[in-house]
Amino acid sequence: MIRVHLYGRLRCLVDNARANENTILELEHEEGETFADLLNRLGLEKDDVGDCFLNGNLVKPSEEIPDDARIGLFPFNMRLLCGGQHLKGHGYTQSDVDVDYY
């Protein structure tokens, strides 16, 4: 089972969702499913979402989703302050840090 927490405009994926309540989709885990695959399963395009999270960390489209994952989906108009550059690896000087330049 994975839990997808929806924010902003993405709450419309759940009938009768309200802005003052948690909006969570509980979905069956699919072995080998990536974040990009999950977006496709939900009928979303990459441009529909902003910065999104897997178990509290920024998620990349190619990242595989483990069972019991917590996903945070934010719409394109809700991004991290300052663009989240420090979380995306911009400015790192260590060669052993995985840097994502999206």
PDB file of N, CA and C in Angstrom:
ATOM      1  N   MET A   1       0.853  -1.179   0.000  1.00  0.00           N
ATOM      2  CA  MET A   1       0.000   0.000   0.000  1.00  0.00           C
ATOM      3  C   MET A   1       0.895   1.237   0.000  1.00  0.00           C
ATOM      4  N   ILE A   2       0.532   2.216  -0.806  1.00  0.00           N
ATOM      5  CA  ILE A   2       1.200   3.516  -0.760  1.00  0.00           C
ATOM      6  C   ILE A   2       0.148   4.582  -0.467  1.00  0.00           C
ATOM      7  N   ARG A   3       0.582   5.636   0.202  1.00  0.00           N
ATOM      8  CA  ARG A   3      -0.323   6.732   0.548  1.00  0.00           C
ATOM      9  C   ARG A   3       0.128   7.978  -0.194  1.00  0.00           C
ATOM     10  N   VAL A   4      -0.775   8.529  -0.989  1.00  0.00           N
ATOM     11  CA  VAL A   4      -0.475   9.711  -1.787  1.00  0.00           C
ATOM     12  C   VAL A   4      -1.221  10.893  -1.179  1.00  0.00           C
ATOM     13  N   HIS A   5      -0.468  11.818  -0.594  1.00  0.00           N
ATOM     14  CA  HIS A   5      -1.036  13.025   0.008  1.00  0.00           C
ATOM     15  C   HIS A   5      -1.117  14.088  -1.080  1.00  0.00           C
ATOM     16  N   LEU A   6      -2.314  14.599  -1.311  1.00  0.00           N
ATOM     17  CA  LEU A   6      -2.562  15.557  -2.392  1.00  0.00           C
ATOM     18  C   LEU A   6      -2.741  16.962  -1.832  1.00  0.00           C
ATOM     19  N   TYR A   7      -2.170  17.918  -2.540  1.00  0.00           N
ATOM     20  CA  TYR A   7      -2.224  19.313  -2.098  1.00  0.00           C
ATOM     21  C   TYR A   7      -2.710  20.205  -3.238  1.00  0.00           C
ATOM     22  N   GLY A   8      -3.268  21.365  -2.861  1.00  0.00           N
ATOM     23  CA  GLY A   8      -3.697  22.351  -3.850  1.00  0.00           C
ATOM     24  C   GLY A   8      -4.698  21.783  -4.837  1.00  0.00           C
ATOM     25  N   ARG A   9      -4.505  22.129  -6.097  1.00  0.00           N
ATOM     26  CA  ARG A   9      -5.429  21.717  -7.164  1.00  0.00           C
ATOM     27  C   ARG A   9      -5.518  20.206  -7.347  1.00  0.00           C
ATOM     28  N   LEU A  10      -4.505  19.480  -6.892  1.00  0.00           N
ATOM     29  CA  LEU A  10      -4.509  18.028  -7.079  1.00  0.00           C
ATOM     30  C   LEU A  10      -5.519  17.323  -6.181  1.00  0.00           C
ATOM     31  N   ARG A  11      -6.087  18.047  -5.222  1.00  0.00           N
ATOM     32  CA  ARG A  11      -7.124  17.461  -4.364  1.00  0.00           C
ATOM     33  C   ARG A  11      -8.329  17.007  -5.185  1.00  0.00           C
ATOM     34  N   CYS A  12      -8.484  17.559  -6.377  1.00  0.00           N
ATOM     35  CA  CYS A  12      -9.640  17.204  -7.212  1.00  0.00           C
ATOM     36  C   CYS A  12      -9.610  15.732  -7.639  1.00  0.00           C
ATOM     37  N   LEU A  13      -8.488  15.043  -7.419  1.00  0.00           N
ATOM     38  CA  LEU A  13      -8.421  13.619  -7.742  1.00  0.00           C
ATOM     39  C   LEU A  13      -9.254  12.774  -6.777  1.00  0.00           C
ATOM     40  N   VAL A  14      -9.691  13.386  -5.679  1.00  0.00           N
ATOM     41  CA  VAL A  14     -10.512  12.693  -4.681  1.00  0.00           C
ATOM     42  C   VAL A  14     -11.865  13.399  -4.597  1.00  0.00           C
ATOM     43  N   ASP A  15     -12.927  12.645  -4.799  1.00  0.00           N
ATOM     44  CA  ASP A  15     -14.275  13.219  -4.713  1.00  0.00           C
ATOM     45  C   ASP A  15     -14.525  13.802  -3.326  1.00  0.00           C
ATOM     46  N   ASN A  16     -15.171  14.944  -3.295  1.00  0.00           N
ATOM     47  CA  ASN A  16     -15.566  15.620  -2.052  1.00  0.00           C
ATOM     48  C   ASN A  16     -14.398  16.016  -1.155  1.00  0.00           C
ATOM     49  N   ALA A  17     -13.210  16.192  -1.730  1.00  0.00           N
ATOM     50  CA  ALA A  17     -12.049  16.628  -0.943  1.00  0.00           C
ATOM     51  C   ALA A  17     -12.249  18.072  -0.514  1.00  0.00           C
ATOM     52  N   ARG A  18     -11.753  18.384   0.690  1.00  0.00           N
ATOM     53  CA  ARG A  18     -11.884  19.740   1.225  1.00  0.00           C
ATOM     54  C   ARG A  18     -10.504  20.265   1.579  1.00  0.00           C
ATOM     55  N   ALA A  19     -10.304  21.552   1.378  1.00  0.00           N
ATOM     56  CA  ALA A  19      -9.002  22.175   1.625  1.00  0.00           C
ATOM     57  C   ALA A  19      -8.600  22.141   3.095  1.00  0.00           C
ATOM     58  N   ASN A  20      -9.560  22.047   3.995  1.00  0.00           N
ATOM     59  CA  ASN A  20      -9.235  22.053   5.423  1.00  0.00           C
ATOM     60  C   ASN A  20      -9.076  20.647   6.001  1.00  0.00           C
ATOM     61  N   GLU A  21      -9.006  19.644   5.145  1.00  0.00           N
ATOM     62  CA  GLU A  21      -8.830  18.258   5.580  1.00  0.00           C
ATOM     63  C   GLU A  21      -7.684  17.619   4.799  1.00  0.00           C
ATOM     64  N   ASN A  22      -7.079  16.589   5.377  1.00  0.00           N
ATOM     65  CA  ASN A  22      -6.072  15.832   4.643  1.00  0.00           C
ATOM     66  C   ASN A  22      -6.733  15.128   3.473  1.00  0.00           C
ATOM     67  N   THR A  23      -6.081  15.155   2.329  1.00  0.00           N
ATOM     68  CA  THR A  23      -6.589  14.459   1.156  1.00  0.00           C
ATOM     69  C   THR A  23      -5.564  13.392   0.803  1.00  0.00           C
ATOM     70  N   ILE A  24      -5.920  12.146   1.079  1.00  0.00           N
ATOM     71  CA  ILE A  24      -4.974  11.046   0.916  1.00  0.00           C
ATOM     72  C   ILE A  24      -5.608   9.946   0.071  1.00  0.00           C
ATOM     73  N   LEU A  25      -4.882   9.552  -0.975  1.00  0.00           N
ATOM     74  CA  LEU A  25      -5.272   8.400  -1.788  1.00  0.00           C
ATOM     75  C   LEU A  25      -4.473   7.206  -1.289  1.00  0.00           C
ATOM     76  N   GLU A  26      -5.129   6.104  -1.021  1.00  0.00           N
ATOM     77  CA  GLU A  26      -4.423   4.874  -0.673  1.00  0.00           C
ATOM     78  C   GLU A  26      -4.499   3.962  -1.884  1.00  0.00           C
ATOM     79  N   LEU A  27      -3.328   3.601  -2.398  1.00  0.00           N
ATOM     80  CA  LEU A  27      -3.233   2.800  -3.615  1.00  0.00           C
ATOM     81  C   LEU A  27      -2.439   1.531  -3.353  1.00  0.00           C
ATOM     82  N   GLU A  28      -2.749   0.504  -4.116  1.00  0.00           N
ATOM     83  CA  GLU A  28      -1.967  -0.729  -4.033  1.00  0.00           C
ATOM     84  C   GLU A  28      -0.563  -0.466  -4.561  1.00  0.00           C
ATOM     85  N   HIS A  29       0.423  -1.042  -3.901  1.00  0.00           N
ATOM     86  CA  HIS A  29       1.810  -0.932  -4.356  1.00  0.00           C
ATOM     87  C   HIS A  29       1.979  -1.795  -5.598  1.00  0.00           C
ATOM     88  N   GLU A  30       2.650  -1.255  -6.612  1.00  0.00           N
ATOM     89  CA  GLU A  30       2.959  -2.008  -7.823  1.00  0.00           C
ATOM     90  C   GLU A  30       4.466  -2.167  -7.902  1.00  0.00           C
ATOM     91  N   GLU A  31       4.923  -3.400  -7.846  1.00  0.00           N
ATOM     92  CA  GLU A  31       6.354  -3.709  -7.860  1.00  0.00           C
ATOM     93  C   GLU A  31       7.037  -3.075  -9.073  1.00  0.00           C
ATOM     94  N   GLY A  32       8.139  -2.359  -8.831  1.00  0.00           N
ATOM     95  CA  GLY A  32       8.921  -1.754  -9.911  1.00  0.00           C
ATOM     96  C   GLY A  32       8.376  -0.430 -10.424  1.00  0.00           C
ATOM     97  N   GLU A  33       7.279   0.053  -9.856  1.00  0.00           N
ATOM     98  CA  GLU A  33       6.684   1.310 -10.317  1.00  0.00           C
ATOM     99  C   GLU A  33       7.572   2.492  -9.928  1.00  0.00           C
ATOM    100  N   THR A  34       7.838   3.360 -10.888  1.00  0.00           N
ATOM    101  CA  THR A  34       8.606   4.577 -10.628  1.00  0.00           C
ATOM    102  C   THR A  34       7.642   5.729 -10.354  1.00  0.00           C
ATOM    103  N   PHE A  35       8.210   6.852  -9.925  1.00  0.00           N
ATOM    104  CA  PHE A  35       7.376   8.029  -9.689  1.00  0.00           C
ATOM    105  C   PHE A  35       6.690   8.462 -10.984  1.00  0.00           C
ATOM    106  N   ALA A  36       7.414   8.416 -12.107  1.00  0.00           N
ATOM    107  CA  ALA A  36       6.815   8.767 -13.406  1.00  0.00           C
ATOM    108  C   ALA A  36       5.656   7.828 -13.732  1.00  0.00           C
ATOM    109  N   ASP A  37       5.817   6.532 -13.424  1.00  0.00           N
ATOM    110  CA  ASP A  37       4.738   5.563 -13.648  1.00  0.00           C
ATOM    111  C   ASP A  37       3.514   5.897 -12.791  1.00  0.00           C
ATOM    112  N   LEU A  38       3.765   6.305 -11.546  1.00  0.00           N
ATOM    113  CA  LEU A  38       2.662   6.662 -10.647  1.00  0.00           C
ATOM    114  C   LEU A  38       1.887   7.857 -11.195  1.00  0.00           C
ATOM    115  N   LEU A  39       2.606   8.870 -11.671  1.00  0.00           N
ATOM    116  CA  LEU A  39       1.915  10.024 -12.264  1.00  0.00           C
ATOM    117  C   LEU A  39       1.028   9.571 -13.413  1.00  0.00           C
ATOM    118  N   ASN A  40       1.546   8.681 -14.240  1.00  0.00           N
ATOM    119  CA  ASN A  40       0.778   8.152 -15.366  1.00  0.00           C
ATOM    120  C   ASN A  40      -0.461   7.403 -14.864  1.00  0.00           C
ATOM    121  N   ARG A  41      -0.299   6.605 -13.826  1.00  0.00           N
ATOM    122  CA  ARG A  41      -1.432   5.856 -13.262  1.00  0.00           C
ATOM    123  C   ARG A  41      -2.514   6.804 -12.755  1.00  0.00           C
ATOM    124  N   LEU A  42      -2.106   7.965 -12.243  1.00  0.00           N
ATOM    125  CA  LEU A  42      -3.065   8.949 -11.731  1.00  0.00           C
ATOM    126  C   LEU A  42      -3.618   9.863 -12.828  1.00  0.00           C
ATOM    127  N   GLY A  43      -3.143   9.673 -14.061  1.00  0.00           N
ATOM    128  CA  GLY A  43      -3.615  10.506 -15.167  1.00  0.00           C
ATOM    129  C   GLY A  43      -3.005  11.893 -15.171  1.00  0.00           C
ATOM    130  N   LEU A  44      -1.814  12.027 -14.572  1.00  0.00           N
ATOM    131  CA  LEU A  44      -1.142  13.326 -14.492  1.00  0.00           C
ATOM    132  C   LEU A  44       0.062  13.372 -15.419  1.00  0.00           C
ATOM    133  N   GLU A  45       0.349  14.567 -15.902  1.00  0.00           N
ATOM    134  CA  GLU A  45       1.547  14.816 -16.700  1.00  0.00           C
ATOM    135  C   GLU A  45       2.612  15.412 -15.795  1.00  0.00           C
ATOM    136  N   LYS A  46       3.857  15.325 -16.222  1.00  0.00           N
ATOM    137  CA  LYS A  46       4.970  15.903 -15.456  1.00  0.00           C
ATOM    138  C   LYS A  46       4.735  17.391 -15.188  1.00  0.00           C
ATOM    139  N   ASP A  47       4.159  18.102 -16.155  1.00  0.00           N
ATOM    140  CA  ASP A  47       3.917  19.541 -16.011  1.00  0.00           C
ATOM    141  C   ASP A  47       2.768  19.867 -15.054  1.00  0.00           C
ATOM    142  N   ASP A  48       1.992  18.870 -14.649  1.00  0.00           N
ATOM    143  CA  ASP A  48       0.889  19.093 -13.707  1.00  0.00           C
ATOM    144  C   ASP A  48       1.376  19.246 -12.274  1.00  0.00           C
ATOM    145  N   VAL A  49       2.591  18.746 -11.994  1.00  0.00           N
ATOM    146  CA  VAL A  49       3.083  18.728 -10.618  1.00  0.00           C
ATOM    147  C   VAL A  49       4.273  19.655 -10.435  1.00  0.00           C
ATOM    148  N   GLY A  50       4.431  20.117  -9.192  1.00  0.00           N
ATOM    149  CA  GLY A  50       5.597  20.920  -8.823  1.00  0.00           C
ATOM    150  C   GLY A  50       6.613  20.021  -8.149  1.00  0.00           C
ATOM    151  N   ASP A  51       7.174  20.475  -7.039  1.00  0.00           N
ATOM    152  CA  ASP A  51       8.122  19.662  -6.286  1.00  0.00           C
ATOM    153  C   ASP A  51       7.335  18.615  -5.501  1.00  0.00           C
ATOM    154  N   CYS A  52       7.735  17.352  -5.634  1.00  0.00           N
ATOM    155  CA  CYS A  52       7.029  16.255  -4.982  1.00  0.00           C
ATOM    156  C   CYS A  52       8.005  15.440  -4.145  1.00  0.00           C
ATOM    157  N   PHE A  53       7.455  14.688  -3.208  1.00  0.00           N
ATOM    158  CA  PHE A  53       8.281  14.020  -2.210  1.00  0.00           C
ATOM    159  C   PHE A  53       7.942  12.545  -2.065  1.00  0.00           C
ATOM    160  N   LEU A  54       8.977  11.764  -1.785  1.00  0.00           N
ATOM    161  CA  LEU A  54       8.850  10.348  -1.474  1.00  0.00           C
ATOM    162  C   LEU A  54       9.458  10.151  -0.092  1.00  0.00           C
ATOM    163  N   ASN A  55       8.632   9.792   0.869  1.00  0.00           N
ATOM    164  CA  ASN A  55       9.087   9.606   2.255  1.00  0.00           C
ATOM    165  C   ASN A  55       9.884  10.800   2.767  1.00  0.00           C
ATOM    166  N   GLY A  56       9.415  12.007   2.443  1.00  0.00           N
ATOM    167  CA  GLY A  56      10.014  13.231   2.958  1.00  0.00           C
ATOM    168  C   GLY A  56      11.177  13.787   2.169  1.00  0.00           C
ATOM    169  N   ASN A  57      11.581  13.121   1.094  1.00  0.00           N
ATOM    170  CA  ASN A  57      12.686  13.597   0.260  1.00  0.00           C
ATOM    171  C   ASN A  57      12.189  13.908  -1.140  1.00  0.00           C
ATOM    172  N   LEU A  58      12.799  14.918  -1.773  1.00  0.00           N
ATOM    173  CA  LEU A  58      12.433  15.208  -3.157  1.00  0.00           C
ATOM    174  C   LEU A  58      12.567  13.943  -3.988  1.00  0.00           C
ATOM    175  N   VAL A  59      11.605  13.712  -4.853  1.00  0.00           N
ATOM    176  CA  VAL A  59      11.605  12.491  -5.657  1.00  0.00           C
ATOM    177  C   VAL A  59      11.935  12.819  -7.111  1.00  0.00           C
ATOM    178  N   LYS A  60      12.682  11.927  -7.747  1.00  0.00           N
ATOM    179  CA  LYS A  60      13.010  12.046  -9.167  1.00  0.00           C
ATOM    180  C   LYS A  60      12.053  11.149  -9.953  1.00  0.00           C
ATOM    181  N   PRO A  61      11.765  11.497 -11.201  1.00  0.00           N
ATOM    182  CA  PRO A  61      10.841  10.679 -11.997  1.00  0.00           C
ATOM    183  C   PRO A  61      11.249   9.210 -12.099  1.00  0.00           C
ATOM    184  N   SER A  62      12.542   8.939 -12.112  1.00  0.00           N
ATOM    185  CA  SER A  62      13.027   7.567 -12.294  1.00  0.00           C
ATOM    186  C   SER A  62      13.087   6.761 -10.997  1.00  0.00           C
ATOM    187  N   GLU A  63      12.791   7.396  -9.864  1.00  0.00           N
ATOM    188  CA  GLU A  63      12.887   6.705  -8.578  1.00  0.00           C
ATOM    189  C   GLU A  63      11.783   5.680  -8.412  1.00  0.00           C
ATOM    190  N   GLU A  64      12.169   4.490  -7.948  1.00  0.00           N
ATOM    191  CA  GLU A  64      11.211   3.425  -7.698  1.00  0.00           C
ATOM    192  C   GLU A  64      10.510   3.664  -6.359  1.00  0.00           C
ATOM    193  N   ILE A  65       9.224   3.382  -6.325  1.00  0.00           N
ATOM    194  CA  ILE A  65       8.427   3.617  -5.122  1.00  0.00           C
ATOM    195  C   ILE A  65       8.341   2.323  -4.314  1.00  0.00           C
ATOM    196  N   PRO A  66       8.839   2.342  -3.077  1.00  0.00           N
ATOM    197  CA  PRO A  66       8.764   1.136  -2.247  1.00  0.00           C
ATOM    198  C   PRO A  66       7.369   0.955  -1.648  1.00  0.00           C
ATOM    199  N   ASP A  67       7.103  -0.263  -1.197  1.00  0.00           N
ATOM    200  CA  ASP A  67       5.845  -0.521  -0.503  1.00  0.00           C
ATOM    201  C   ASP A  67       5.810   0.313   0.779  1.00  0.00           C
ATOM    202  N   ASP A  68       4.642   0.709   1.206  1.00  0.00           N
ATOM    203  CA  ASP A  68       4.421   1.544   2.395  1.00  0.00           C
ATOM    204  C   ASP A  68       4.991   2.949   2.248  1.00  0.00           C
ATOM    205  N   ALA A  69       5.138   3.430   1.022  1.00  0.00           N
ATOM    206  CA  ALA A  69       5.680   4.770   0.783  1.00  0.00           C
ATOM    207  C   ALA A  69       4.638   5.835   1.086  1.00  0.00           C
ATOM    208  N   ARG A  70       5.149   7.001   1.446  1.00  0.00           N
ATOM    209  CA  ARG A  70       4.318   8.196   1.615  1.00  0.00           C
ATOM    210  C   ARG A  70       4.756   9.165   0.530  1.00  0.00           C
ATOM    211  N   ILE A  71       3.829   9.510  -0.352  1.00  0.00           N
ATOM    212  CA  ILE A  71       4.101  10.415  -1.466  1.00  0.00           C
ATOM    213  C   ILE A  71       3.411  11.741  -1.181  1.00  0.00           C
ATOM    214  N   GLY A  72       4.099  12.839  -1.400  1.00  0.00           N
ATOM    215  CA  GLY A  72       3.503  14.169  -1.309  1.00  0.00           C
ATOM    216  C   GLY A  72       3.463  14.772  -2.700  1.00  0.00           C
ATOM    217  N   LEU A  73       2.261  14.980  -3.238  1.00  0.00           N
ATOM    218  CA  LEU A  73       2.099  15.546  -4.582  1.00  0.00           C
ATOM    219  C   LEU A  73       1.609  16.985  -4.486  1.00  0.00           C
ATOM    220  N   PHE A  74       2.416  17.890  -5.001  1.00  0.00           N
ATOM    221  CA  PHE A  74       2.066  19.306  -5.043  1.00  0.00           C
ATOM    222  C   PHE A  74       1.866  19.716  -6.496  1.00  0.00           C
ATOM    223  N   PRO A  75       0.879  20.574  -6.782  1.00  0.00           N
ATOM    224  CA  PRO A  75       0.646  21.011  -8.158  1.00  0.00           C
ATOM    225  C   PRO A  75       1.753  21.946  -8.645  1.00  0.00           C
ATOM    226  N   PHE A  76       1.758  22.184  -9.954  1.00  0.00           N
ATOM    227  CA  PHE A  76       2.796  22.993 -10.601  1.00  0.00           C
ATOM    228  C   PHE A  76       2.916  24.390 -10.000  1.00  0.00           C
ATOM    229  N   ASN A  77       1.833  24.920  -9.453  1.00  0.00           N
ATOM    230  CA  ASN A  77       1.872  26.285  -8.915  1.00  0.00           C
ATOM    231  C   ASN A  77       2.261  26.326  -7.436  1.00  0.00           C
ATOM    232  N   MET A  78       2.677  25.202  -6.885  1.00  0.00           N
ATOM    233  CA  MET A  78       3.142  25.145  -5.492  1.00  0.00           C
ATOM    234  C   MET A  78       4.543  24.544  -5.487  1.00  0.00           C
ATOM    235  N   ARG A  79       5.541  25.418  -5.458  1.00  0.00           N
ATOM    236  CA  ARG A  79       6.938  24.975  -5.461  1.00  0.00           C
ATOM    237  C   ARG A  79       7.620  25.433  -4.184  1.00  0.00           C
ATOM    238  N   LEU A  80       8.763  24.816  -3.893  1.00  0.00           N
ATOM    239  CA  LEU A  80       9.535  25.194  -2.714  1.00  0.00           C
ATOM    240  C   LEU A  80      10.012  26.630  -2.823  1.00  0.00           C
ATOM    241  N   LEU A  81      10.076  27.312  -1.682  1.00  0.00           N
ATOM    242  CA  LEU A  81      10.653  28.656  -1.656  1.00  0.00           C
ATOM    243  C   LEU A  81      12.086  28.571  -2.163  1.00  0.00           C
ATOM    244  N   CYS A  82      12.536  29.540  -2.861  1.00  0.00           N
ATOM    245  CA  CYS A  82      13.868  29.617  -3.469  1.00  0.00           C
ATOM    246  C   CYS A  82      14.082  28.476  -4.459  1.00  0.00           C
ATOM    247  N   GLY A  83      13.020  27.816  -4.852  1.00  0.00           N
ATOM    248  CA  GLY A  83      13.147  26.733  -5.813  1.00  0.00           C
ATOM    249  C   GLY A  83      13.721  25.454  -5.233  1.00  0.00           C
ATOM    250  N   GLY A  84      14.014  25.443  -3.930  1.00  0.00           N
ATOM    251  CA  GLY A  84      14.560  24.247  -3.302  1.00  0.00           C
ATOM    252  C   GLY A  84      15.933  23.872  -3.811  1.00  0.00           C
ATOM    253  N   GLN A  85      16.694  24.870  -4.242  1.00  0.00           N
ATOM    254  CA  GLN A  85      17.988  24.593  -4.866  1.00  0.00           C
ATOM    255  C   GLN A  85      18.904  23.773  -3.970  1.00  0.00           C
ATOM    256  N   HIS A  86      18.890  24.037  -2.669  1.00  0.00           N
ATOM    257  CA  HIS A  86      19.759  23.283  -1.758  1.00  0.00           C
ATOM    258  C   HIS A  86      19.349  21.816  -1.674  1.00  0.00           C
ATOM    259  N   LEU A  87      18.072  21.520  -1.857  1.00  0.00           N
ATOM    260  CA  LEU A  87      17.610  20.137  -1.822  1.00  0.00           C
ATOM    261  C   LEU A  87      17.860  19.411  -3.136  1.00  0.00           C
ATOM    262  N   LYS A  88      17.941  20.165  -4.220  1.00  0.00           N
ATOM    263  CA  LYS A  88      18.120  19.567  -5.540  1.00  0.00           C
ATOM    264  C   LYS A  88      19.587  19.383  -5.905  1.00  0.00           C
ATOM    265  N   GLY A  89      20.486  19.743  -4.985  1.00  0.00           N
ATOM    266  CA  GLY A  89      21.894  19.491  -5.231  1.00  0.00           C
ATOM    267  C   GLY A  89      22.651  20.648  -5.815  1.00  0.00           C
ATOM    268  N   HIS A  90      22.010  21.751  -6.090  1.00  0.00           N
ATOM    269  CA  HIS A  90      22.701  22.900  -6.662  1.00  0.00           C
ATOM    270  C   HIS A  90      23.613  23.514  -5.604  1.00  0.00           C
ATOM    271  N   GLY A  91      24.851  23.758  -5.980  1.00  0.00           N
ATOM    272  CA  GLY A  91      25.787  24.366  -5.060  1.00  0.00           C
ATOM    273  C   GLY A  91      26.636  23.370  -4.303  1.00  0.00           C
ATOM    274  N   TYR A  92      26.372  22.073  -4.456  1.00  0.00           N
ATOM    275  CA  TYR A  92      27.221  21.083  -3.791  1.00  0.00           C
ATOM    276  C   TYR A  92      28.602  21.072  -4.428  1.00  0.00           C
ATOM    277  N   THR A  93      29.612  20.891  -3.609  1.00  0.00           N
ATOM    278  CA  THR A  93      30.980  20.823  -4.124  1.00  0.00           C
ATOM    279  C   THR A  93      31.581  19.438  -3.932  1.00  0.00           C
ATOM    280  N   GLN A  94      30.863  18.548  -3.284  1.00  0.00           N
ATOM    281  CA  GLN A  94      31.371  17.199  -3.077  1.00  0.00           C
ATOM    282  C   GLN A  94      31.030  16.331  -4.275  1.00  0.00           C
ATOM    283  N   SER A  95      31.985  15.534  -4.705  1.00  0.00           N
ATOM    284  CA  SER A  95      31.746  14.688  -5.875  1.00  0.00           C
ATOM    285  C   SER A  95      30.923  13.448  -5.537  1.00  0.00           C
ATOM    286  N   ASP A  96      30.795  13.101  -4.257  1.00  0.00           N
ATOM    287  CA  ASP A  96      30.051  11.898  -3.887  1.00  0.00           C
ATOM    288  C   ASP A  96      28.559  12.159  -3.663  1.00  0.00           C
ATOM    289  N   VAL A  97      28.092  13.381  -3.904  1.00  0.00           N
ATOM    290  CA  VAL A  97      26.689  13.727  -3.717  1.00  0.00           C
ATOM    291  C   VAL A  97      25.967  13.598  -5.049  1.00  0.00           C
ATOM    292  N   ASP A  98      24.834  12.885  -5.038  1.00  0.00           N
ATOM    293  CA  ASP A  98      24.030  12.718  -6.245  1.00  0.00           C
ATOM    294  C   ASP A  98      23.319  14.036  -6.545  1.00  0.00           C
ATOM    295  N   VAL A  99      23.675  14.681  -7.647  1.00  0.00           N
ATOM    296  CA  VAL A  99      23.126  15.991  -7.990  1.00  0.00           C
ATOM    297  C   VAL A  99      22.072  15.840  -9.075  1.00  0.00           C
ATOM    298  N   ASP A 100      20.939  16.498  -8.889  1.00  0.00           N
ATOM    299  CA  ASP A 100      19.855  16.484  -9.866  1.00  0.00           C
ATOM    300  C   ASP A 100      19.671  17.899 -10.391  1.00  0.00           C
ATOM    301  N   TYR A 101      19.884  18.103 -11.664  1.00  0.00           N
ATOM    302  CA  TYR A 101      19.832  19.442 -12.240  1.00  0.00           C
ATOM    303  C   TYR A 101      18.522  19.749 -12.952  1.00  0.00           C
ATOM    304  N   TYR A 102      17.416  19.094 -12.575  1.00  0.00           N
ATOM    305  CA  TYR A 102      16.156  19.413 -13.249  1.00  0.00           C
ATOM    306  C   TYR A 102      15.644  20.746 -12.821  1.00  0.00           C
TER     307      TYR A 102
END
